[in-house]
N, C-alpha and C. Protein backbone atom coordinates (compact mmCIF):
# COMPACT_ATOMS: atom_id res chain seq x y z
N MET A 1 0.81 -1.19 0.00
CA MET A 1 0.00 0.00 0.00
C MET A 1 0.86 1.27 0.00
N ALA A 2 2.01 1.20 0.67
CA ALA A 2 2.89 2.36 0.71
C ALA A 2 3.45 2.68 -0.66
N GLU A 3 3.61 1.64 -1.48
CA GLU A 3 4.14 1.85 -2.82
C GLU A 3 3.17 2.69 -3.66
N GLY A 4 1.89 2.47 -3.49
CA GLY A 4 0.89 3.25 -4.21
C GLY A 4 0.91 4.71 -3.80
N GLN A 5 1.14 4.97 -2.52
CA GLN A 5 1.21 6.35 -2.06
C GLN A 5 2.46 7.05 -2.61
N ASP A 6 3.57 6.31 -2.70
CA ASP A 6 4.78 6.88 -3.28
C ASP A 6 4.58 7.20 -4.76
N ASP A 7 3.89 6.31 -5.46
CA ASP A 7 3.60 6.56 -6.87
C ASP A 7 2.73 7.79 -7.04
N TYR A 8 1.75 7.95 -6.17
CA TYR A 8 0.86 9.11 -6.24
C TYR A 8 1.64 10.40 -6.04
N ARG A 9 2.54 10.42 -5.06
CA ARG A 9 3.35 11.63 -4.82
C ARG A 9 4.24 11.94 -6.03
N ALA A 10 4.83 10.91 -6.60
CA ALA A 10 5.69 11.10 -7.77
C ALA A 10 4.88 11.62 -8.95
N HIS A 11 3.69 11.10 -9.14
CA HIS A 11 2.84 11.57 -10.24
C HIS A 11 2.40 13.01 -10.01
N MET A 12 2.10 13.37 -8.77
CA MET A 12 1.69 14.74 -8.47
C MET A 12 2.84 15.72 -8.70
N GLU A 13 4.05 15.33 -8.32
CA GLU A 13 5.22 16.19 -8.56
C GLU A 13 5.46 16.36 -10.05
N THR A 14 5.32 15.29 -10.81
CA THR A 14 5.50 15.37 -12.26
C THR A 14 4.42 16.24 -12.89
N TYR A 15 3.19 16.06 -12.45
CA TYR A 15 2.07 16.86 -12.98
C TYR A 15 2.27 18.34 -12.66
N THR A 16 2.69 18.65 -11.45
CA THR A 16 2.92 20.04 -11.07
C THR A 16 4.05 20.65 -11.89
N SER A 17 5.13 19.92 -12.06
CA SER A 17 6.25 20.42 -12.86
C SER A 17 5.84 20.65 -14.31
N PHE A 18 5.11 19.72 -14.88
CA PHE A 18 4.65 19.85 -16.26
C PHE A 18 3.70 21.03 -16.39
N ASN A 19 2.83 21.23 -15.41
CA ASN A 19 1.89 22.35 -15.42
C ASN A 19 2.63 23.68 -15.40
N LYS A 20 3.68 23.78 -14.60
CA LYS A 20 4.49 25.01 -14.55
C LYS A 20 5.20 25.25 -15.88
N LEU A 21 5.70 24.18 -16.49
CA LEU A 21 6.39 24.31 -17.77
C LEU A 21 5.44 24.79 -18.86
N VAL A 22 4.24 24.23 -18.91
CA VAL A 22 3.26 24.64 -19.92
C VAL A 22 2.84 26.09 -19.69
N THR A 23 2.62 26.48 -18.43
CA THR A 23 2.24 27.86 -18.12
C THR A 23 3.34 28.83 -18.55
N PHE A 24 4.58 28.50 -18.23
CA PHE A 24 5.70 29.35 -18.61
C PHE A 24 5.78 29.48 -20.13
N THR A 25 5.63 28.37 -20.84
CA THR A 25 5.73 28.39 -22.30
C THR A 25 4.63 29.23 -22.92
N LEU A 26 3.41 29.08 -22.44
CA LEU A 26 2.30 29.88 -22.98
C LEU A 26 2.50 31.37 -22.72
N LEU A 27 2.92 31.71 -21.51
CA LEU A 27 3.15 33.12 -21.19
C LEU A 27 4.28 33.70 -22.03
N TRP A 28 5.33 32.92 -22.26
CA TRP A 28 6.45 33.41 -23.04
C TRP A 28 6.06 33.60 -24.51
N ILE A 29 5.27 32.68 -25.05
CA ILE A 29 4.80 32.82 -26.44
C ILE A 29 3.93 34.05 -26.59
N VAL A 30 3.03 34.29 -25.64
CA VAL A 30 2.18 35.48 -25.69
C VAL A 30 3.04 36.74 -25.60
N LEU A 31 4.04 36.74 -24.74
CA LEU A 31 4.93 37.89 -24.61
C LEU A 31 5.67 38.17 -25.92
N ILE A 32 6.16 37.15 -26.57
CA ILE A 32 6.87 37.32 -27.83
C ILE A 32 5.93 37.83 -28.92
N LEU A 33 4.72 37.29 -28.97
CA LEU A 33 3.76 37.75 -29.97
C LEU A 33 3.37 39.21 -29.75
N VAL A 34 3.19 39.61 -28.51
CA VAL A 34 2.86 41.01 -28.21
C VAL A 34 4.02 41.91 -28.59
N SER A 35 5.23 41.48 -28.30
CA SER A 35 6.41 42.28 -28.67
C SER A 35 6.53 42.42 -30.18
N MET A 36 6.27 41.33 -30.89
CA MET A 36 6.33 41.40 -32.35
C MET A 36 5.25 42.30 -32.90
N ALA A 37 4.06 42.25 -32.32
CA ALA A 37 2.97 43.10 -32.78
C ALA A 37 3.30 44.57 -32.53
N LEU A 38 3.85 44.88 -31.38
CA LEU A 38 4.23 46.27 -31.10
C LEU A 38 5.30 46.75 -32.08
N GLY A 39 6.26 45.90 -32.36
CA GLY A 39 7.35 46.30 -33.24
C GLY A 39 6.95 46.40 -34.70
N LEU A 40 6.19 45.43 -35.17
CA LEU A 40 5.87 45.40 -36.59
C LEU A 40 4.64 46.22 -36.95
N VAL A 41 3.57 46.08 -36.20
CA VAL A 41 2.32 46.75 -36.53
C VAL A 41 2.26 48.14 -35.88
N GLY A 42 2.70 48.22 -34.64
CA GLY A 42 2.60 49.48 -33.90
C GLY A 42 3.75 50.43 -34.14
N HIS A 43 4.80 49.99 -34.82
CA HIS A 43 5.97 50.81 -35.12
C HIS A 43 6.59 51.41 -33.86
N MET A 44 6.61 50.62 -32.79
CA MET A 44 7.26 51.02 -31.54
C MET A 44 8.36 50.01 -31.24
N SER A 45 9.41 50.04 -32.03
CA SER A 45 10.42 48.99 -31.96
C SER A 45 11.21 49.01 -30.66
N ILE A 46 11.52 50.19 -30.14
CA ILE A 46 12.29 50.28 -28.90
C ILE A 46 11.47 49.72 -27.74
N LEU A 47 10.19 50.12 -27.67
CA LEU A 47 9.32 49.61 -26.61
C LEU A 47 9.14 48.10 -26.74
N ALA A 48 9.02 47.60 -27.96
CA ALA A 48 8.87 46.17 -28.18
C ALA A 48 10.12 45.41 -27.74
N LEU A 49 11.28 45.97 -28.04
CA LEU A 49 12.53 45.34 -27.63
C LEU A 49 12.65 45.31 -26.12
N LEU A 50 12.36 46.42 -25.47
CA LEU A 50 12.44 46.48 -24.01
C LEU A 50 11.43 45.53 -23.37
N LEU A 51 10.22 45.49 -23.92
CA LEU A 51 9.20 44.60 -23.39
C LEU A 51 9.60 43.14 -23.58
N GLY A 52 10.13 42.81 -24.73
CA GLY A 52 10.52 41.44 -25.01
C GLY A 52 11.65 40.96 -24.12
N VAL A 53 12.70 41.75 -24.02
CA VAL A 53 13.85 41.35 -23.21
C VAL A 53 13.51 41.42 -21.72
N GLY A 54 12.91 42.53 -21.30
CA GLY A 54 12.56 42.68 -19.89
C GLY A 54 11.52 41.67 -19.45
N GLY A 55 10.54 41.42 -20.28
CA GLY A 55 9.52 40.44 -19.95
C GLY A 55 10.07 39.03 -19.87
N SER A 56 10.98 38.69 -20.77
CA SER A 56 11.59 37.36 -20.73
C SER A 56 12.40 37.16 -19.46
N VAL A 57 13.17 38.18 -19.11
CA VAL A 57 13.95 38.10 -17.87
C VAL A 57 13.02 38.02 -16.66
N ALA A 58 11.96 38.82 -16.66
CA ALA A 58 11.02 38.79 -15.55
C ALA A 58 10.34 37.42 -15.43
N LEU A 59 9.96 36.82 -16.55
CA LEU A 59 9.35 35.50 -16.52
C LEU A 59 10.32 34.45 -15.97
N LEU A 60 11.57 34.50 -16.44
CA LEU A 60 12.56 33.54 -15.95
C LEU A 60 12.79 33.68 -14.45
N VAL A 61 12.92 34.92 -14.00
CA VAL A 61 13.16 35.15 -12.57
C VAL A 61 11.94 34.74 -11.76
N ALA A 62 10.75 35.10 -12.22
CA ALA A 62 9.54 34.76 -11.48
C ALA A 62 9.36 33.25 -11.35
N PHE A 63 9.57 32.51 -12.43
CA PHE A 63 9.38 31.07 -12.35
C PHE A 63 10.52 30.41 -11.59
N ALA A 64 11.71 31.00 -11.59
CA ALA A 64 12.81 30.45 -10.81
C ALA A 64 12.58 30.66 -9.31
N VAL A 65 12.09 31.83 -8.96
CA VAL A 65 11.87 32.14 -7.54
C VAL A 65 10.64 31.42 -7.01
N LEU A 66 9.54 31.45 -7.79
CA LEU A 66 8.31 30.84 -7.33
C LEU A 66 8.31 29.32 -7.45
N GLY A 67 9.18 28.79 -8.30
CA GLY A 67 9.23 27.35 -8.50
C GLY A 67 9.98 26.68 -7.42
């Protein structure tokens, strides 16, 4: 019976890690798309560059600290 509980904990840890990875990936893709839209359509290339680089760093730091 203890083996089943260990398997459940391992599955929950894997599920949580995968969920964080998917969330990070989706947020990063949205950030890149918004930066591209600002740069290409909005003609605000400097703001798009700052948002893209700063947002990527912020996402990495946030997921590293909160993870």
